[in-house]
PDB file of N, CA and C in Angstrom:
ATOM      1  N   UNK A   1     -45.121 -10.716  75.641  1.00  0.00           N
ATOM      2  CA  UNK A   1     -44.487 -10.857  74.497  1.00  0.00           C
ATOM      3  C   UNK A   1     -45.028 -11.997  73.961  1.00  0.00           C
ATOM      4  N   UNK A   2     -44.806 -11.832  72.610  1.00  0.00           N
ATOM      5  CA  UNK A   2     -45.480 -12.823  71.880  1.00  0.00           C
ATOM      6  C   UNK A   2     -44.379 -14.008  71.652  1.00  0.00           C
ATOM      7  N   UNK A   3     -45.128 -15.160  71.641  1.00  0.00           N
ATOM      8  CA  UNK A   3     -44.088 -16.518  71.472  1.00  0.00           C
ATOM      9  C   UNK A   3     -43.657 -16.709  69.973  1.00  0.00           C
ATOM     10  N   UNK A   4     -42.446 -17.135  69.978  1.00  0.00           N
ATOM     11  CA  UNK A   4     -41.965 -17.147  68.380  1.00  0.00           C
ATOM     12  C   UNK A   4     -42.925 -18.243  67.531  1.00  0.00           C
ATOM     13  N   UNK A   5     -42.677 -18.065  66.254  1.00  0.00           N
ATOM     14  CA  UNK A   5     -43.732 -18.809  65.564  1.00  0.00           C
ATOM     15  C   UNK A   5     -42.933 -19.927  64.769  1.00  0.00           C
ATOM     16  N   UNK A   6     -41.612 -19.831  65.443  1.00  0.00           N
ATOM     17  CA  UNK A   6     -40.845 -20.897  64.951  1.00  0.00           C
ATOM     18  C   UNK A   6     -41.279 -22.205  65.010  1.00  0.00           C
ATOM     19  N   UNK A   7     -41.061 -23.218  63.796  1.00  0.00           N
ATOM     20  CA  UNK A   7     -41.615 -24.567  64.093  1.00  0.00           C
ATOM     21  C   UNK A   7     -40.102 -25.396  63.925  1.00  0.00           C
ATOM     22  N   UNK A   8     -40.057 -26.391  64.836  1.00  0.00           N
ATOM     23  CA  UNK A   8     -38.656 -27.148  64.741  1.00  0.00           C
ATOM     24  C   UNK A   8     -39.158 -28.667  64.011  1.00  0.00           C
ATOM     25  N   UNK A   9     -38.603 -28.966  63.117  1.00  0.00           N
ATOM     26  CA  UNK A   9     -38.918 -30.296  62.381  1.00  0.00           C
ATOM     27  C   UNK A   9     -38.329 -31.588  63.402  1.00  0.00           C
ATOM     28  N   UNK A  10     -39.340 -32.421  63.626  1.00  0.00           N
ATOM     29  CA  UNK A  10     -38.474 -33.880  64.502  1.00  0.00           C
ATOM     30  C   UNK A  10     -38.239 -34.917  63.261  1.00  0.00           C
ATOM     31  N   UNK A  11     -37.518 -35.342  63.261  1.00  0.00           N
ATOM     32  CA  UNK A  11     -37.003 -36.542  62.496  1.00  0.00           C
ATOM     33  C   UNK A  11     -36.976 -37.691  63.394  1.00  0.00           C
ATOM     34  N   UNK A  12     -37.737 -38.955  63.014  1.00  0.00           N
ATOM     35  CA  UNK A  12     -37.583 -39.959  63.541  1.00  0.00           C
ATOM     36  C   UNK A  12     -37.066 -41.100  62.482  1.00  0.00           C
ATOM     37  N   UNK A  13     -36.051 -41.449  62.753  1.00  0.00           N
ATOM     38  CA  UNK A  13     -35.384 -42.725  61.859  1.00  0.00           C
ATOM     39  C   UNK A  13     -35.571 -44.041  62.680  1.00  0.00           C
ATOM     40  N   UNK A  14     -35.804 -45.164  62.000  1.00  0.00           N
ATOM     41  CA  UNK A  14     -35.882 -46.330  62.558  1.00  0.00           C
ATOM     42  C   UNK A  14     -34.695 -47.086  61.995  1.00  0.00           C
ATOM     43  N   UNK A  15     -34.088 -47.812  62.945  1.00  0.00           N
ATOM     44  CA  UNK A  15     -32.914 -48.508  62.750  1.00  0.00           C
ATOM     45  C   UNK A  15     -32.873 -49.984  63.189  1.00  0.00           C
ATOM     46  N   UNK A  16     -32.142 -50.508  62.439  1.00  0.00           N
ATOM     47  CA  UNK A  16     -31.808 -51.849  62.922  1.00  0.00           C
ATOM     48  C   UNK A  16     -31.172 -51.724  64.345  1.00  0.00           C
ATOM     49  N   UNK A  17     -31.614 -52.662  65.460  1.00  0.00           N
ATOM     50  CA  UNK A  17     -31.064 -52.274  66.640  1.00  0.00           C
ATOM     51  C   UNK A  17     -29.194 -52.614  66.655  1.00  0.00           C
ATOM     52  N   UNK A  18     -29.058 -53.692  66.027  1.00  0.00           N
ATOM     53  CA  UNK A  18     -27.649 -53.706  65.791  1.00  0.00           C
ATOM     54  C   UNK A  18     -26.817 -52.670  65.239  1.00  0.00           C
ATOM     55  N   UNK A  19     -27.387 -52.216  63.962  1.00  0.00           N
ATOM     56  CA  UNK A  19     -26.967 -51.214  63.402  1.00  0.00           C
ATOM     57  C   UNK A  19     -26.672 -49.808  64.330  1.00  0.00           C
ATOM     58  N   UNK A  20     -27.759 -49.538  65.040  1.00  0.00           N
ATOM     59  CA  UNK A  20     -27.942 -48.244  65.913  1.00  0.00           C
ATOM     60  C   UNK A  20     -26.585 -48.761  66.917  1.00  0.00           C
ATOM     61  N   UNK A  21     -26.668 -49.846  67.737  1.00  0.00           N
ATOM     62  CA  UNK A  21     -25.608 -49.924  68.385  1.00  0.00           C
ATOM     63  C   UNK A  21     -24.183 -49.856  67.937  1.00  0.00           C
ATOM     64  N   UNK A  22     -23.893 -50.179  66.704  1.00  0.00           N
ATOM     65  CA  UNK A  22     -22.510 -49.977  66.154  1.00  0.00           C
ATOM     66  C   UNK A  22     -22.740 -48.437  65.974  1.00  0.00           C
ATOM     67  N   UNK A  23     -23.401 -47.890  65.662  1.00  0.00           N
ATOM     68  CA  UNK A  23     -23.045 -46.353  65.328  1.00  0.00           C
ATOM     69  C   UNK A  23     -23.110 -45.645  66.642  1.00  0.00           C
ATOM     70  N   UNK A  24     -23.724 -45.945  67.911  1.00  0.00           N
ATOM     71  CA  UNK A  24     -23.068 -45.142  69.263  1.00  0.00           C
ATOM     72  C   UNK A  24     -22.305 -45.846  69.539  1.00  0.00           C
ATOM     73  N   UNK A  25     -21.798 -46.982  69.537  1.00  0.00           N
ATOM     74  CA  UNK A  25     -20.380 -47.115  69.861  1.00  0.00           C
ATOM     75  C   UNK A  25     -18.890 -46.448  69.005  1.00  0.00           C
ATOM     76  N   UNK A  26     -19.243 -46.542  67.548  1.00  0.00           N
ATOM     77  CA  UNK A  26     -18.526 -45.848  66.845  1.00  0.00           C
ATOM     78  C   UNK A  26     -18.298 -44.448  67.389  1.00  0.00           C
ATOM     79  N   UNK A  27     -19.541 -43.541  67.439  1.00  0.00           N
ATOM     80  CA  UNK A  27     -19.216 -42.265  67.856  1.00  0.00           C
ATOM     81  C   UNK A  27     -18.953 -42.074  69.343  1.00  0.00           C
ATOM     82  N   UNK A  28     -19.148 -42.835  70.119  1.00  0.00           N
ATOM     83  CA  UNK A  28     -18.415 -42.768  71.374  1.00  0.00           C
ATOM     84  C   UNK A  28     -16.905 -42.799  71.563  1.00  0.00           C
ATOM     85  N   UNK A  29     -16.191 -43.624  70.603  1.00  0.00           N
ATOM     86  CA  UNK A  29     -15.038 -44.080  70.175  1.00  0.00           C
ATOM     87  C   UNK A  29     -14.559 -42.811  69.585  1.00  0.00           C
ATOM     88  N   UNK A  30     -15.025 -42.107  68.516  1.00  0.00           N
ATOM     89  CA  UNK A  30     -14.639 -41.026  68.244  1.00  0.00           C
ATOM     90  C   UNK A  30     -14.782 -39.637  68.727  1.00  0.00           C
ATOM     91  N   UNK A  31     -15.643 -39.982  69.823  1.00  0.00           N
ATOM     92  CA  UNK A  31     -15.565 -38.490  70.586  1.00  0.00           C
ATOM     93  C   UNK A  31     -16.879 -37.566  70.147  1.00  0.00           C
ATOM     94  N   UNK A  32     -17.663 -38.218  69.387  1.00  0.00           N
ATOM     95  CA  UNK A  32     -18.884 -37.086  68.617  1.00  0.00           C
ATOM     96  C   UNK A  32     -20.185 -37.778  68.940  1.00  0.00           C
ATOM     97  N   UNK A  33     -21.230 -36.943  68.746  1.00  0.00           N
ATOM     98  CA  UNK A  33     -22.332 -37.432  68.961  1.00  0.00           C
ATOM     99  C   UNK A  33     -22.808 -38.482  67.812  1.00  0.00           C
ATOM    100  N   UNK A  34     -23.680 -39.286  68.134  1.00  0.00           N
ATOM    101  CA  UNK A  34     -24.191 -40.104  66.878  1.00  0.00           C
ATOM    102  C   UNK A  34     -24.829 -39.169  65.516  1.00  0.00           C
ATOM    103  N   UNK A  35     -25.446 -38.310  65.800  1.00  0.00           N
ATOM    104  CA  UNK A  35     -25.991 -37.604  64.795  1.00  0.00           C
ATOM    105  C   UNK A  35     -24.812 -36.965  63.957  1.00  0.00           C
ATOM    106  N   UNK A  36     -23.732 -36.539  64.626  1.00  0.00           N
ATOM    107  CA  UNK A  36     -22.657 -35.787  63.886  1.00  0.00           C
ATOM    108  C   UNK A  36     -22.241 -36.900  62.939  1.00  0.00           C
ATOM    109  N   UNK A  37     -21.993 -38.077  63.591  1.00  0.00           N
ATOM    110  CA  UNK A  37     -21.180 -39.229  62.858  1.00  0.00           C
ATOM    111  C   UNK A  37     -22.160 -39.659  61.677  1.00  0.00           C
ATOM    112  N   UNK A  38     -23.418 -39.785  61.982  1.00  0.00           N
ATOM    113  CA  UNK A  38     -24.207 -40.294  61.068  1.00  0.00           C
ATOM    114  C   UNK A  38     -24.197 -39.071  59.636  1.00  0.00           C
ATOM    115  N   UNK A  39     -24.322 -37.850  60.116  1.00  0.00           N
ATOM    116  CA  UNK A  39     -24.328 -36.788  59.140  1.00  0.00           C
ATOM    117  C   UNK A  39     -23.011 -36.833  58.346  1.00  0.00           C
ATOM    118  N   UNK A  40     -21.831 -37.094  58.876  1.00  0.00           N
ATOM    119  CA  UNK A  40     -21.018 -37.284  58.494  1.00  0.00           C
ATOM    120  C   UNK A  40     -20.545 -38.294  57.016  1.00  0.00           C
ATOM    121  N   UNK A  41     -21.472 -39.501  57.923  1.00  0.00           N
ATOM    122  CA  UNK A  41     -21.274 -40.580  56.598  1.00  0.00           C
ATOM    123  C   UNK A  41     -22.195 -40.262  55.522  1.00  0.00           C
ATOM    124  N   UNK A  42     -23.481 -39.558  55.692  1.00  0.00           N
ATOM    125  CA  UNK A  42     -24.066 -39.264  54.631  1.00  0.00           C
ATOM    126  C   UNK A  42     -23.661 -38.341  53.693  1.00  0.00           C
ATOM    127  N   UNK A  43     -22.945 -37.442  54.366  1.00  0.00           N
ATOM    128  CA  UNK A  43     -22.052 -36.298  53.338  1.00  0.00           C
ATOM    129  C   UNK A  43     -21.215 -37.147  52.358  1.00  0.00           C
ATOM    130  N   UNK A  44     -20.460 -38.089  53.037  1.00  0.00           N
ATOM    131  CA  UNK A  44     -19.273 -38.811  52.491  1.00  0.00           C
ATOM    132  C   UNK A  44     -20.115 -39.793  51.242  1.00  0.00           C
ATOM    133  N   UNK A  45     -21.348 -40.342  51.495  1.00  0.00           N
ATOM    134  CA  UNK A  45     -21.576 -41.016  50.468  1.00  0.00           C
ATOM    135  C   UNK A  45     -22.207 -40.299  49.423  1.00  0.00           C
ATOM    136  N   UNK A  46     -22.837 -39.015  49.713  1.00  0.00           N
ATOM    137  CA  UNK A  46     -23.460 -38.445  48.615  1.00  0.00           C
ATOM    138  C   UNK A  46     -22.887 -37.344  48.184  1.00  0.00           C
ATOM    139  N   UNK A  47     -21.538 -37.161  48.671  1.00  0.00           N
ATOM    140  CA  UNK A  47     -20.636 -36.211  47.866  1.00  0.00           C
ATOM    141  C   UNK A  47     -19.826 -36.886  46.765  1.00  0.00           C
ATOM    142  N   UNK A  48     -19.933 -36.400  45.451  1.00  0.00           N
ATOM    143  CA  UNK A  48     -19.328 -37.066  44.516  1.00  0.00           C
ATOM    144  C   UNK A  48     -17.634 -36.603  44.482  1.00  0.00           C
ATOM    145  N   UNK A  49     -17.280 -35.714  45.281  1.00  0.00           N
ATOM    146  CA  UNK A  49     -15.918 -35.434  45.407  1.00  0.00           C
ATOM    147  C   UNK A  49     -15.501 -35.716  47.036  1.00  0.00           C
ATOM    148  N   UNK A  50     -15.488 -36.900  47.279  1.00  0.00           N
ATOM    149  CA  UNK A  50     -15.327 -37.173  48.526  1.00  0.00           C
ATOM    150  C   UNK A  50     -14.409 -36.532  49.609  1.00  0.00           C
ATOM    151  N   UNK A  51     -13.107 -36.314  48.697  1.00  0.00           N
ATOM    152  CA  UNK A  51     -12.032 -35.568  49.119  1.00  0.00           C
ATOM    153  C   UNK A  51     -12.036 -34.326  49.852  1.00  0.00           C
ATOM    154  N   UNK A  52     -13.196 -33.734  49.341  1.00  0.00           N
ATOM    155  CA  UNK A  52     -13.468 -32.194  49.815  1.00  0.00           C
ATOM    156  C   UNK A  52     -13.830 -32.196  51.284  1.00  0.00           C
ATOM    157  N   UNK A  53     -14.601 -33.254  51.746  1.00  0.00           N
ATOM    158  CA  UNK A  53     -14.932 -33.120  53.143  1.00  0.00           C
ATOM    159  C   UNK A  53     -14.348 -34.144  54.067  1.00  0.00           C
ATOM    160  N   UNK A  54     -13.179 -34.551  53.818  1.00  0.00           N
ATOM    161  CA  UNK A  54     -12.490 -35.594  54.570  1.00  0.00           C
ATOM    162  C   UNK A  54     -12.494 -34.917  55.873  1.00  0.00           C
ATOM    163  N   UNK A  55     -12.849 -36.029  56.876  1.00  0.00           N
ATOM    164  CA  UNK A  55     -12.819 -35.494  58.312  1.00  0.00           C
ATOM    165  C   UNK A  55     -11.451 -35.987  59.009  1.00  0.00           C
ATOM    166  N   UNK A  56     -11.190 -37.362  58.595  1.00  0.00           N
ATOM    167  CA  UNK A  56      -9.669 -37.806  59.026  1.00  0.00           C
ATOM    168  C   UNK A  56      -8.848 -38.210  57.806  1.00  0.00           C
ATOM    169  N   UNK A  57      -7.905 -37.257  57.465  1.00  0.00           N
ATOM    170  CA  UNK A  57      -6.878 -37.182  56.293  1.00  0.00           C
ATOM    171  C   UNK A  57      -6.193 -38.471  56.455  1.00  0.00           C
ATOM    172  N   UNK A  58      -5.644 -38.941  57.601  1.00  0.00           N
ATOM    173  CA  UNK A  58      -4.851 -40.176  57.486  1.00  0.00           C
ATOM    174  C   UNK A  58      -5.542 -41.184  57.296  1.00  0.00           C
ATOM    175  N   UNK A  59      -6.762 -41.568  57.751  1.00  0.00           N
ATOM    176  CA  UNK A  59      -7.920 -42.589  57.495  1.00  0.00           C
ATOM    177  C   UNK A  59      -8.082 -42.943  56.098  1.00  0.00           C
ATOM    178  N   UNK A  60      -8.176 -41.454  55.535  1.00  0.00           N
ATOM    179  CA  UNK A  60      -8.555 -41.503  53.967  1.00  0.00           C
ATOM    180  C   UNK A  60      -7.542 -42.004  53.131  1.00  0.00           C
ATOM    181  N   UNK A  61      -6.151 -41.619  53.667  1.00  0.00           N
ATOM    182  CA  UNK A  61      -5.100 -41.802  52.675  1.00  0.00           C
ATOM    183  C   UNK A  61      -4.753 -43.411  52.887  1.00  0.00           C
ATOM    184  N   UNK A  62      -5.237 -43.996  53.877  1.00  0.00           N
ATOM    185  CA  UNK A  62      -4.861 -45.223  54.497  1.00  0.00           C
ATOM    186  C   UNK A  62      -5.975 -46.159  53.496  1.00  0.00           C
ATOM    187  N   UNK A  63      -7.129 -45.539  53.508  1.00  0.00           N
ATOM    188  CA  UNK A  63      -8.282 -46.295  52.619  1.00  0.00           C
ATOM    189  C   UNK A  63      -8.051 -46.518  51.250  1.00  0.00           C
ATOM    190  N   UNK A  64      -7.456 -45.300  50.667  1.00  0.00           N
ATOM    191  CA  UNK A  64      -6.822 -44.930  49.316  1.00  0.00           C
ATOM    192  C   UNK A  64      -5.648 -46.020  48.942  1.00  0.00           C
ATOM    193  N   UNK A  65      -4.811 -46.009  49.938  1.00  0.00           N
ATOM    194  CA  UNK A  65      -3.716 -46.982  49.923  1.00  0.00           C
ATOM    195  C   UNK A  65      -4.096 -48.569  49.665  1.00  0.00           C
ATOM    196  N   UNK A  66      -5.029 -48.623  50.607  1.00  0.00           N
ATOM    197  CA  UNK A  66      -5.598 -50.199  50.413  1.00  0.00           C
ATOM    198  C   UNK A  66      -6.176 -50.815  49.237  1.00  0.00           C
ATOM    199  N   UNK A  67      -7.002 -49.519  48.665  1.00  0.00           N
ATOM    200  CA  UNK A  67      -7.409 -49.775  47.288  1.00  0.00           C
ATOM    201  C   UNK A  67      -6.371 -50.009  46.301  1.00  0.00           C
ATOM    202  N   UNK A  68      -5.158 -49.347  46.646  1.00  0.00           N
ATOM    203  CA  UNK A  68      -4.269 -49.097  45.504  1.00  0.00           C
ATOM    204  C   UNK A  68      -2.815 -50.153  45.703  1.00  0.00           C
ATOM    205  N   UNK A  69      -3.080 -51.478  46.579  1.00  0.00           N
ATOM    206  CA  UNK A  69      -2.381 -52.224  46.871  1.00  0.00           C
ATOM    207  C   UNK A  69      -1.362 -52.656  45.813  1.00  0.00           C
ATOM    208  N   UNK A  70      -2.023 -52.892  44.586  1.00  0.00           N
ATOM    209  CA  UNK A  70      -1.044 -53.374  43.526  1.00  0.00           C
ATOM    210  C   UNK A  70      -0.120 -52.558  43.046  1.00  0.00           C
ATOM    211  N   UNK A  71      -0.277 -51.232  43.211  1.00  0.00           N
ATOM    212  CA  UNK A  71       0.560 -50.324  42.939  1.00  0.00           C
ATOM    213  C   UNK A  71       1.677 -49.969  43.994  1.00  0.00           C
ATOM    214  N   UNK A  72       3.015 -49.680  43.411  1.00  0.00           N
ATOM    215  CA  UNK A  72       4.405 -49.316  44.579  1.00  0.00           C
ATOM    216  C   UNK A  72       4.073 -48.246  44.992  1.00  0.00           C
ATOM    217  N   UNK A  73       4.823 -48.045  46.059  1.00  0.00           N
ATOM    218  CA  UNK A  73       4.547 -46.543  47.195  1.00  0.00           C
ATOM    219  C   UNK A  73       4.895 -45.462  45.826  1.00  0.00           C
ATOM    220  N   UNK A  74       6.258 -45.969  44.953  1.00  0.00           N
ATOM    221  CA  UNK A  74       6.487 -44.703  44.368  1.00  0.00           C
ATOM    222  C   UNK A  74       5.567 -44.224  43.380  1.00  0.00           C
ATOM    223  N   UNK A  75       4.829 -45.199  42.712  1.00  0.00           N
ATOM    224  CA  UNK A  75       3.633 -44.847  41.759  1.00  0.00           C
ATOM    225  C   UNK A  75       2.691 -44.091  42.273  1.00  0.00           C
ATOM    226  N   UNK A  76       2.165 -44.642  43.540  1.00  0.00           N
ATOM    227  CA  UNK A  76       1.146 -43.984  44.443  1.00  0.00           C
ATOM    228  C   UNK A  76       1.384 -42.532  44.661  1.00  0.00           C
ATOM    229  N   UNK A  77       2.568 -42.096  44.980  1.00  0.00           N
ATOM    230  CA  UNK A  77       3.171 -40.860  45.354  1.00  0.00           C
ATOM    231  C   UNK A  77       3.029 -39.933  44.252  1.00  0.00           C
ATOM    232  N   UNK A  78       3.603 -40.926  42.902  1.00  0.00           N
ATOM    233  CA  UNK A  78       3.513 -39.935  41.791  1.00  0.00           C
ATOM    234  C   UNK A  78       2.218 -39.814  41.545  1.00  0.00           C
ATOM    235  N   UNK A  79       1.146 -40.438  41.367  1.00  0.00           N
ATOM    236  CA  UNK A  79      -0.248 -40.150  41.076  1.00  0.00           C
ATOM    237  C   UNK A  79      -0.739 -38.952  42.221  1.00  0.00           C
ATOM    238  N   UNK A  80      -0.181 -38.873  43.333  1.00  0.00           N
ATOM    239  CA  UNK A  80      -0.979 -37.920  44.256  1.00  0.00           C
ATOM    240  C   UNK A  80      -0.177 -36.634  43.902  1.00  0.00           C
ATOM    241  N   UNK A  81       1.113 -36.554  43.259  1.00  0.00           N
ATOM    242  CA  UNK A  81       1.818 -35.509  43.298  1.00  0.00           C
ATOM    243  C   UNK A  81       1.279 -35.061  41.814  1.00  0.00           C
ATOM    244  N   UNK A  82       0.914 -35.594  40.843  1.00  0.00           N
ATOM    245  CA  UNK A  82       0.289 -35.357  39.553  1.00  0.00           C
ATOM    246  C   UNK A  82      -1.059 -34.747  39.760  1.00  0.00           C
ATOM    247  N   UNK A  83      -2.026 -35.384  40.635  1.00  0.00           N
ATOM    248  CA  UNK A  83      -3.318 -34.755  41.022  1.00  0.00           C
ATOM    249  C   UNK A  83      -3.191 -33.565  41.481  1.00  0.00           C
ATOM    250  N   UNK A  84      -2.265 -33.358  42.659  1.00  0.00           N
ATOM    251  CA  UNK A  84      -2.017 -31.862  43.237  1.00  0.00           C
ATOM    252  C   UNK A  84      -1.787 -31.165  42.073  1.00  0.00           C
ATOM    253  N   UNK A  85      -0.782 -31.406  41.211  1.00  0.00           N
ATOM    254  CA  UNK A  85      -0.444 -30.218  40.115  1.00  0.00           C
ATOM    255  C   UNK A  85      -1.679 -29.902  39.060  1.00  0.00           C
ATOM    256  N   UNK A  86      -2.269 -30.821  39.216  1.00  0.00           N
ATOM    257  CA  UNK A  86      -3.552 -30.806  38.226  1.00  0.00           C
ATOM    258  C   UNK A  86      -4.702 -29.834  38.737  1.00  0.00           C
ATOM    259  N   UNK A  87      -4.745 -29.932  40.325  1.00  0.00           N
ATOM    260  CA  UNK A  87      -5.710 -29.279  40.906  1.00  0.00           C
ATOM    261  C   UNK A  87      -5.280 -27.957  41.225  1.00  0.00           C
ATOM    262  N   UNK A  88      -4.178 -27.570  41.388  1.00  0.00           N
ATOM    263  CA  UNK A  88      -3.553 -26.349  41.656  1.00  0.00           C
ATOM    264  C   UNK A  88      -3.357 -25.161  40.077  1.00  0.00           C
ATOM    265  N   UNK A  89      -3.606 -25.960  39.198  1.00  0.00           N
ATOM    266  CA  UNK A  89      -3.483 -25.066  37.697  1.00  0.00           C
ATOM    267  C   UNK A  89      -5.247 -24.691  37.302  1.00  0.00           C
TER     268      UNK A  89
END
């Protein structure tokens, strides 16, 4: 039998040791592989519409809420409802 001619690419990334430790600890806490966590972070940063690939919707809404502290809960929810109506049309 002939061997497959597929070539796998190997990537080597150099990290600051403290950043690598933080990434590994965060991945363990979330129960995912460090590579998966890194891919999620890169996708979030490069995706212009970050809400499309939200992994944890509760954390995403909390982050949005923190950014909108000056707005009342009522106006925050009103904005979400307006966005839902505009996205569905």
